[in-house]
Amino acid sequence: MARGHQKIQSQQKAQEKAAKMKKQQGHGLSDQMKAAQKALVFSCAVCKSQMPDPKTYKQHFENKHPKNEMPAELKDV
């Protein structure tokens, strides 16, 4: 077993490593998913699909729902 100064150094190194691992866990997949959900602002009135901006929403509506009438919020985009 390590004694004295070596023991203290080992404990500090382990503590720094644990802190680093904890910090990395904060930027995991769940945080990315939450950020992605916040970015999806517009929701299609027909199929409830979510889009990040009105331009994408209009393209989606023109391609996926050509027979339906364009919503009022997309006519000026």
PDB file of N, CA and C in Angstrom:
ATOM      1  N   MET A   1       0.827  -1.196   0.000  1.00  0.00           N
ATOM      2  CA  MET A   1       0.000   0.000   0.000  1.00  0.00           C
ATOM      3  C   MET A   1       0.866   1.252   0.000  1.00  0.00           C
ATOM      4  N   ALA A   2       0.329   2.285  -0.540  1.00  0.00           N
ATOM      5  CA  ALA A   2       1.043   3.557  -0.603  1.00  0.00           C
ATOM      6  C   ALA A   2       0.941   4.264   0.747  1.00  0.00           C
ATOM      7  N   ARG A   3       2.019   4.960   1.104  1.00  0.00           N
ATOM      8  CA  ARG A   3       2.032   5.648   2.389  1.00  0.00           C
ATOM      9  C   ARG A   3       2.475   7.088   2.230  1.00  0.00           C
ATOM     10  N   GLY A   4       2.040   7.899   3.154  1.00  0.00           N
ATOM     11  CA  GLY A   4       2.515   9.269   3.235  1.00  0.00           C
ATOM     12  C   GLY A   4       2.161  10.106   2.020  1.00  0.00           C
ATOM     13  N   HIS A   5       3.205  10.732   1.465  1.00  0.00           N
ATOM     14  CA  HIS A   5       3.027  11.684   0.356  1.00  0.00           C
ATOM     15  C   HIS A   5       2.430  11.012  -0.877  1.00  0.00           C
ATOM     16  N   GLN A   6       2.837   9.789  -1.159  1.00  0.00           N
ATOM     17  CA  GLN A   6       2.322   9.058  -2.322  1.00  0.00           C
ATOM     18  C   GLN A   6       0.828   8.804  -2.174  1.00  0.00           C
ATOM     19  N   LYS A   7       0.392   8.502  -0.963  1.00  0.00           N
ATOM     20  CA  LYS A   7      -1.028   8.259  -0.707  1.00  0.00           C
ATOM     21  C   LYS A   7      -1.849   9.522  -0.972  1.00  0.00           C
ATOM     22  N   ILE A   8      -1.356  10.646  -0.502  1.00  0.00           N
ATOM     23  CA  ILE A   8      -2.062  11.920  -0.693  1.00  0.00           C
ATOM     24  C   ILE A   8      -2.149  12.254  -2.180  1.00  0.00           C
ATOM     25  N   GLN A   9      -1.034  12.060  -2.904  1.00  0.00           N
ATOM     26  CA  GLN A   9      -1.027  12.321  -4.341  1.00  0.00           C
ATOM     27  C   GLN A   9      -2.021  11.417  -5.061  1.00  0.00           C
ATOM     28  N   SER A  10      -2.059  10.158  -4.660  1.00  0.00           N
ATOM     29  CA  SER A  10      -2.972   9.206  -5.286  1.00  0.00           C
ATOM     30  C   SER A  10      -4.423   9.607  -5.046  1.00  0.00           C
ATOM     31  N   GLN A  11      -4.724  10.028  -3.832  1.00  0.00           N
ATOM     32  CA  GLN A  11      -6.095  10.452  -3.515  1.00  0.00           C
ATOM     33  C   GLN A  11      -6.491  11.685  -4.321  1.00  0.00           C
ATOM     34  N   GLN A  12      -5.577  12.640  -4.445  1.00  0.00           N
ATOM     35  CA  GLN A  12      -5.868  13.857  -5.214  1.00  0.00           C
ATOM     36  C   GLN A  12      -6.085  13.529  -6.689  1.00  0.00           C
ATOM     37  N   LYS A  13      -5.263  12.644  -7.201  1.00  0.00           N
ATOM     38  CA  LYS A  13      -5.394  12.249  -8.601  1.00  0.00           C
ATOM     39  C   LYS A  13      -6.731  11.551  -8.844  1.00  0.00           C
ATOM     40  N   ALA A  14      -7.123  10.673  -7.926  1.00  0.00           N
ATOM     41  CA  ALA A  14      -8.402   9.977  -8.052  1.00  0.00           C
ATOM     42  C   ALA A  14      -9.573  10.952  -7.950  1.00  0.00           C
ATOM     43  N   GLN A  15      -9.447  11.939  -7.078  1.00  0.00           N
ATOM     44  CA  GLN A  15     -10.508  12.936  -6.919  1.00  0.00           C
ATOM     45  C   GLN A  15     -10.652  13.773  -8.192  1.00  0.00           C
ATOM     46  N   GLU A  16      -9.523  14.180  -8.780  1.00  0.00           N
ATOM     47  CA  GLU A  16      -9.566  14.949 -10.029  1.00  0.00           C
ATOM     48  C   GLU A  16     -10.171  14.123 -11.162  1.00  0.00           C
ATOM     49  N   LYS A  17      -9.815  12.858 -11.220  1.00  0.00           N
ATOM     50  CA  LYS A  17     -10.345  11.971 -12.253  1.00  0.00           C
ATOM     51  C   LYS A  17     -11.854  11.808 -12.101  1.00  0.00           C
ATOM     52  N   ALA A  18     -12.325  11.651 -10.845  1.00  0.00           N
ATOM     53  CA  ALA A  18     -13.761  11.519 -10.591  1.00  0.00           C
ATOM     54  C   ALA A  18     -14.504  12.796 -10.970  1.00  0.00           C
ATOM     55  N   ALA A  19     -13.916  13.956 -10.671  1.00  0.00           N
ATOM     56  CA  ALA A  19     -14.540  15.227 -11.019  1.00  0.00           C
ATOM     57  C   ALA A  19     -14.627  15.387 -12.541  1.00  0.00           C
ATOM     58  N   LYS A  20     -13.574  14.957 -13.229  1.00  0.00           N
ATOM     59  CA  LYS A  20     -13.558  15.044 -14.689  1.00  0.00           C
ATOM     60  C   LYS A  20     -14.635  14.143 -15.295  1.00  0.00           C
ATOM     61  N   MET A  21     -14.773  12.953 -14.776  1.00  0.00           N
ATOM     62  CA  MET A  21     -15.791  12.020 -15.271  1.00  0.00           C
ATOM     63  C   MET A  21     -17.201  12.562 -15.011  1.00  0.00           C
ATOM     64  N   LYS A  22     -17.394  13.160 -13.852  1.00  0.00           N
ATOM     65  CA  LYS A  22     -18.709  13.719 -13.517  1.00  0.00           C
ATOM     66  C   LYS A  22     -19.055  14.875 -14.458  1.00  0.00           C
ATOM     67  N   LYS A  23     -18.049  15.690 -14.786  1.00  0.00           N
ATOM     68  CA  LYS A  23     -18.270  16.812 -15.699  1.00  0.00           C
ATOM     69  C   LYS A  23     -18.630  16.312 -17.096  1.00  0.00           C
ATOM     70  N   GLN A  24     -17.979  15.254 -17.553  1.00  0.00           N
ATOM     71  CA  GLN A  24     -18.271  14.704 -18.872  1.00  0.00           C
ATOM     72  C   GLN A  24     -19.671  14.116 -18.929  1.00  0.00           C
ATOM     73  N   GLN A  25     -20.137  13.548 -17.846  1.00  0.00           N
ATOM     74  CA  GLN A  25     -21.474  12.960 -17.832  1.00  0.00           C
ATOM     75  C   GLN A  25     -22.544  14.021 -18.022  1.00  0.00           C
ATOM     76  N   GLY A  26     -22.283  15.243 -17.622  1.00  0.00           N
ATOM     77  CA  GLY A  26     -23.247  16.323 -17.766  1.00  0.00           C
ATOM     78  C   GLY A  26     -23.552  16.661 -19.213  1.00  0.00           C
ATOM     79  N   HIS A  27     -22.666  16.279 -20.128  1.00  0.00           N
ATOM     80  CA  HIS A  27     -22.855  16.583 -21.543  1.00  0.00           C
ATOM     81  C   HIS A  27     -23.213  15.318 -22.314  1.00  0.00           C
ATOM     82  N   GLY A  28     -24.088  14.538 -21.746  1.00  0.00           N
ATOM     83  CA  GLY A  28     -24.437  13.265 -22.348  1.00  0.00           C
ATOM     84  C   GLY A  28     -25.565  13.362 -23.349  1.00  0.00           C
ATOM     85  N   LEU A  29     -26.054  12.238 -23.725  1.00  0.00           N
ATOM     86  CA  LEU A  29     -27.099  12.132 -24.747  1.00  0.00           C
ATOM     87  C   LEU A  29     -28.400  12.777 -24.290  1.00  0.00           C
ATOM     88  N   SER A  30     -28.722  12.663 -23.014  1.00  0.00           N
ATOM     89  CA  SER A  30     -29.983  13.228 -22.539  1.00  0.00           C
ATOM     90  C   SER A  30     -29.997  14.749 -22.674  1.00  0.00           C
ATOM     91  N   ASP A  31     -28.873  15.407 -22.419  1.00  0.00           N
ATOM     92  CA  ASP A  31     -28.805  16.860 -22.582  1.00  0.00           C
ATOM     93  C   ASP A  31     -28.950  17.246 -24.049  1.00  0.00           C
ATOM     94  N   GLN A  32     -28.367  16.464 -24.928  1.00  0.00           N
ATOM     95  CA  GLN A  32     -28.485  16.740 -26.356  1.00  0.00           C
ATOM     96  C   GLN A  32     -29.924  16.572 -26.812  1.00  0.00           C
ATOM     97  N   MET A  33     -30.590  15.558 -26.304  1.00  0.00           N
ATOM     98  CA  MET A  33     -31.991  15.328 -26.678  1.00  0.00           C
ATOM     99  C   MET A  33     -32.874  16.479 -26.188  1.00  0.00           C
ATOM    100  N   LYS A  34     -32.611  16.969 -24.991  1.00  0.00           N
ATOM    101  CA  LYS A  34     -33.397  18.078 -24.454  1.00  0.00           C
ATOM    102  C   LYS A  34     -33.183  19.329 -25.297  1.00  0.00           C
ATOM    103  N   ALA A  35     -31.970  19.597 -25.685  1.00  0.00           N
ATOM    104  CA  ALA A  35     -31.664  20.768 -26.507  1.00  0.00           C
ATOM    105  C   ALA A  35     -32.318  20.643 -27.884  1.00  0.00           C
ATOM    106  N   ALA A  36     -32.313  19.447 -28.433  1.00  0.00           N
ATOM    107  CA  ALA A  36     -32.939  19.223 -29.739  1.00  0.00           C
ATOM    108  C   ALA A  36     -34.445  19.432 -29.658  1.00  0.00           C
ATOM    109  N   GLN A  37     -35.070  19.000 -28.584  1.00  0.00           N
ATOM    110  CA  GLN A  37     -36.509  19.185 -28.426  1.00  0.00           C
ATOM    111  C   GLN A  37     -36.863  20.663 -28.291  1.00  0.00           C
ATOM    112  N   LYS A  38     -36.014  21.435 -27.629  1.00  0.00           N
ATOM    113  CA  LYS A  38     -36.268  22.869 -27.498  1.00  0.00           C
ATOM    114  C   LYS A  38     -36.181  23.566 -28.853  1.00  0.00           C
ATOM    115  N   ALA A  39     -35.340  23.049 -29.756  1.00  0.00           N
ATOM    116  CA  ALA A  39     -35.162  23.664 -31.067  1.00  0.00           C
ATOM    117  C   ALA A  39     -36.343  23.391 -31.995  1.00  0.00           C
ATOM    118  N   LEU A  40     -37.108  22.341 -31.737  1.00  0.00           N
ATOM    119  CA  LEU A  40     -38.245  22.004 -32.594  1.00  0.00           C
ATOM    120  C   LEU A  40     -39.461  22.817 -32.153  1.00  0.00           C
ATOM    121  N   VAL A  41     -39.640  23.958 -32.802  1.00  0.00           N
ATOM    122  CA  VAL A  41     -40.651  24.918 -32.382  1.00  0.00           C
ATOM    123  C   VAL A  41     -41.975  24.732 -33.117  1.00  0.00           C
ATOM    124  N   PHE A  42     -41.918  24.479 -34.418  1.00  0.00           N
ATOM    125  CA  PHE A  42     -43.127  24.400 -35.235  1.00  0.00           C
ATOM    126  C   PHE A  42     -43.633  22.961 -35.312  1.00  0.00           C
ATOM    127  N   SER A  43     -44.950  22.816 -35.267  1.00  0.00           N
ATOM    128  CA  SER A  43     -45.564  21.497 -35.329  1.00  0.00           C
ATOM    129  C   SER A  43     -46.581  21.479 -36.464  1.00  0.00           C
ATOM    130  N   CYS A  44     -46.506  20.453 -37.307  1.00  0.00           N
ATOM    131  CA  CYS A  44     -47.398  20.331 -38.457  1.00  0.00           C
ATOM    132  C   CYS A  44     -48.833  20.127 -37.978  1.00  0.00           C
ATOM    133  N   ALA A  45     -49.752  20.849 -38.583  1.00  0.00           N
ATOM    134  CA  ALA A  45     -51.156  20.767 -38.193  1.00  0.00           C
ATOM    135  C   ALA A  45     -51.790  19.446 -38.616  1.00  0.00           C
ATOM    136  N   VAL A  46     -51.256  18.795 -39.636  1.00  0.00           N
ATOM    137  CA  VAL A  46     -51.843  17.564 -40.160  1.00  0.00           C
ATOM    138  C   VAL A  46     -51.276  16.327 -39.464  1.00  0.00           C
ATOM    139  N   CYS A  47     -49.947  16.193 -39.469  1.00  0.00           N
ATOM    140  CA  CYS A  47     -49.332  14.956 -38.962  1.00  0.00           C
ATOM    141  C   CYS A  47     -48.623  15.133 -37.626  1.00  0.00           C
ATOM    142  N   LYS A  48     -48.612  16.330 -37.078  1.00  0.00           N
ATOM    143  CA  LYS A  48     -47.993  16.649 -35.788  1.00  0.00           C
ATOM    144  C   LYS A  48     -46.479  16.462 -35.773  1.00  0.00           C
ATOM    145  N   SER A  49     -45.857  16.423 -36.937  1.00  0.00           N
ATOM    146  CA  SER A  49     -44.407  16.338 -37.027  1.00  0.00           C
ATOM    147  C   SER A  49     -43.815  17.685 -36.631  1.00  0.00           C
ATOM    148  N   GLN A  50     -42.643  17.680 -35.985  1.00  0.00           N
ATOM    149  CA  GLN A  50     -42.049  18.916 -35.493  1.00  0.00           C
ATOM    150  C   GLN A  50     -40.903  19.366 -36.388  1.00  0.00           C
ATOM    151  N   MET A  51     -40.830  20.701 -36.616  1.00  0.00           N
ATOM    152  CA  MET A  51     -39.803  21.296 -37.449  1.00  0.00           C
ATOM    153  C   MET A  51     -39.141  22.462 -36.713  1.00  0.00           C
ATOM    154  N   PRO A  52     -37.872  22.759 -37.039  1.00  0.00           N
ATOM    155  CA  PRO A  52     -37.166  23.825 -36.324  1.00  0.00           C
ATOM    156  C   PRO A  52     -37.492  25.244 -36.791  1.00  0.00           C
ATOM    157  N   ASP A  53     -37.892  25.425 -38.059  1.00  0.00           N
ATOM    158  CA  ASP A  53     -38.150  26.777 -38.552  1.00  0.00           C
ATOM    159  C   ASP A  53     -39.286  26.770 -39.577  1.00  0.00           C
ATOM    160  N   PRO A  54     -39.837  27.946 -39.867  1.00  0.00           N
ATOM    161  CA  PRO A  54     -40.988  28.010 -40.783  1.00  0.00           C
ATOM    162  C   PRO A  54     -40.657  27.592 -42.213  1.00  0.00           C
ATOM    163  N   LYS A  55     -39.424  27.819 -42.654  1.00  0.00           N
ATOM    164  CA  LYS A  55     -39.037  27.438 -44.018  1.00  0.00           C
ATOM    165  C   LYS A  55     -39.101  25.916 -44.182  1.00  0.00           C
ATOM    166  N   THR A  56     -38.575  25.199 -43.217  1.00  0.00           N
ATOM    167  CA  THR A  56     -38.621  23.733 -43.246  1.00  0.00           C
ATOM    168  C   THR A  56     -40.058  23.252 -43.132  1.00  0.00           C
ATOM    169  N   TYR A  57     -40.836  23.920 -42.304  1.00  0.00           N
ATOM    170  CA  TYR A  57     -42.245  23.566 -42.124  1.00  0.00           C
ATOM    171  C   TYR A  57     -42.988  23.718 -43.451  1.00  0.00           C
ATOM    172  N   LYS A  58     -42.723  24.811 -44.167  1.00  0.00           N
ATOM    173  CA  LYS A  58     -43.402  25.036 -45.453  1.00  0.00           C
ATOM    174  C   LYS A  58     -42.995  23.970 -46.467  1.00  0.00           C
ATOM    175  N   GLN A  59     -41.698  23.640 -46.536  1.00  0.00           N
ATOM    176  CA  GLN A  59     -41.239  22.590 -47.449  1.00  0.00           C
ATOM    177  C   GLN A  59     -41.894  21.252 -47.109  1.00  0.00           C
ATOM    178  N   HIS A  60     -41.975  20.954 -45.828  1.00  0.00           N
ATOM    179  CA  HIS A  60     -42.614  19.719 -45.380  1.00  0.00           C
ATOM    180  C   HIS A  60     -44.073  19.686 -45.822  1.00  0.00           C
ATOM    181  N   PHE A  61     -44.764  20.792 -45.599  1.00  0.00           N
ATOM    182  CA  PHE A  61     -46.189  20.842 -45.922  1.00  0.00           C
ATOM    183  C   PHE A  61     -46.424  20.704 -47.423  1.00  0.00           C
ATOM    184  N   GLU A  62     -45.585  21.356 -48.233  1.00  0.00           N
ATOM    185  CA  GLU A  62     -45.733  21.268 -49.689  1.00  0.00           C
ATOM    186  C   GLU A  62     -45.466  19.854 -50.201  1.00  0.00           C
ATOM    187  N   ASN A  63     -44.513  19.169 -49.601  1.00  0.00           N
ATOM    188  CA  ASN A  63     -44.141  17.828 -50.059  1.00  0.00           C
ATOM    189  C   ASN A  63     -45.027  16.721 -49.493  1.00  0.00           C
ATOM    190  N   LYS A  64     -45.375  16.817 -48.241  1.00  0.00           N
ATOM    191  CA  LYS A  64     -46.100  15.725 -47.587  1.00  0.00           C
ATOM    192  C   LYS A  64     -47.616  15.875 -47.644  1.00  0.00           C
ATOM    193  N   HIS A  65     -48.101  17.103 -47.719  1.00  0.00           N
ATOM    194  CA  HIS A  65     -49.549  17.341 -47.708  1.00  0.00           C
ATOM    195  C   HIS A  65     -49.960  18.274 -48.855  1.00  0.00           C
ATOM    196  N   PRO A  66     -49.717  17.892 -50.097  1.00  0.00           N
ATOM    197  CA  PRO A  66     -50.000  18.809 -51.210  1.00  0.00           C
ATOM    198  C   PRO A  66     -51.488  19.077 -51.427  1.00  0.00           C
ATOM    199  N   LYS A  67     -52.341  18.145 -51.020  1.00  0.00           N
ATOM    200  CA  LYS A  67     -53.784  18.324 -51.246  1.00  0.00           C
ATOM    201  C   LYS A  67     -54.430  19.187 -50.175  1.00  0.00           C
ATOM    202  N   ASN A  68     -53.805  19.306 -49.032  1.00  0.00           N
ATOM    203  CA  ASN A  68     -54.373  20.112 -47.949  1.00  0.00           C
ATOM    204  C   ASN A  68     -54.083  21.592 -48.177  1.00  0.00           C
ATOM    205  N   GLU A  69     -54.927  22.426 -47.588  1.00  0.00           N
ATOM    206  CA  GLU A  69     -54.742  23.862 -47.714  1.00  0.00           C
ATOM    207  C   GLU A  69     -53.597  24.322 -46.811  1.00  0.00           C
ATOM    208  N   MET A  70     -52.780  25.234 -47.337  1.00  0.00           N
ATOM    209  CA  MET A  70     -51.628  25.751 -46.608  1.00  0.00           C
ATOM    210  C   MET A  70     -52.096  26.571 -45.397  1.00  0.00           C
ATOM    211  N   PRO A  71     -51.541  26.332 -44.215  1.00  0.00           N
ATOM    212  CA  PRO A  71     -51.920  27.137 -43.046  1.00  0.00           C
ATOM    213  C   PRO A  71     -51.570  28.604 -43.232  1.00  0.00           C
ATOM    214  N   ALA A  72     -52.284  29.473 -42.552  1.00  0.00           N
ATOM    215  CA  ALA A  72     -52.101  30.920 -42.699  1.00  0.00           C
ATOM    216  C   ALA A  72     -50.694  31.362 -42.310  1.00  0.00           C
ATOM    217  N   GLU A  73     -50.102  30.715 -41.319  1.00  0.00           N
ATOM    218  CA  GLU A  73     -48.768  31.129 -40.879  1.00  0.00           C
ATOM    219  C   GLU A  73     -47.671  30.827 -41.904  1.00  0.00           C
ATOM    220  N   LEU A  74     -47.979  29.971 -42.893  1.00  0.00           N
ATOM    221  CA  LEU A  74     -46.968  29.611 -43.892  1.00  0.00           C
ATOM    222  C   LEU A  74     -47.130  30.343 -45.213  1.00  0.00           C
ATOM    223  N   LYS A  75     -48.236  31.006 -45.423  1.00  0.00           N
ATOM    224  CA  LYS A  75     -48.488  31.659 -46.708  1.00  0.00           C
ATOM    225  C   LYS A  75     -47.523  32.798 -46.988  1.00  0.00           C
ATOM    226  N   ASP A  76     -47.051  33.499 -45.964  1.00  0.00           N
ATOM    227  CA  ASP A  76     -46.150  34.629 -46.176  1.00  0.00           C
ATOM    228  C   ASP A  76     -44.675  34.260 -46.068  1.00  0.00           C
ATOM    229  N   VAL A  77     -44.366  33.003 -45.773  1.00  0.00           N
ATOM    230  CA  VAL A  77     -42.964  32.574 -45.629  1.00  0.00           C
ATOM    231  C   VAL A  77     -42.354  32.309 -46.991  1.00  0.00           C
TER     232      VAL A  77
END
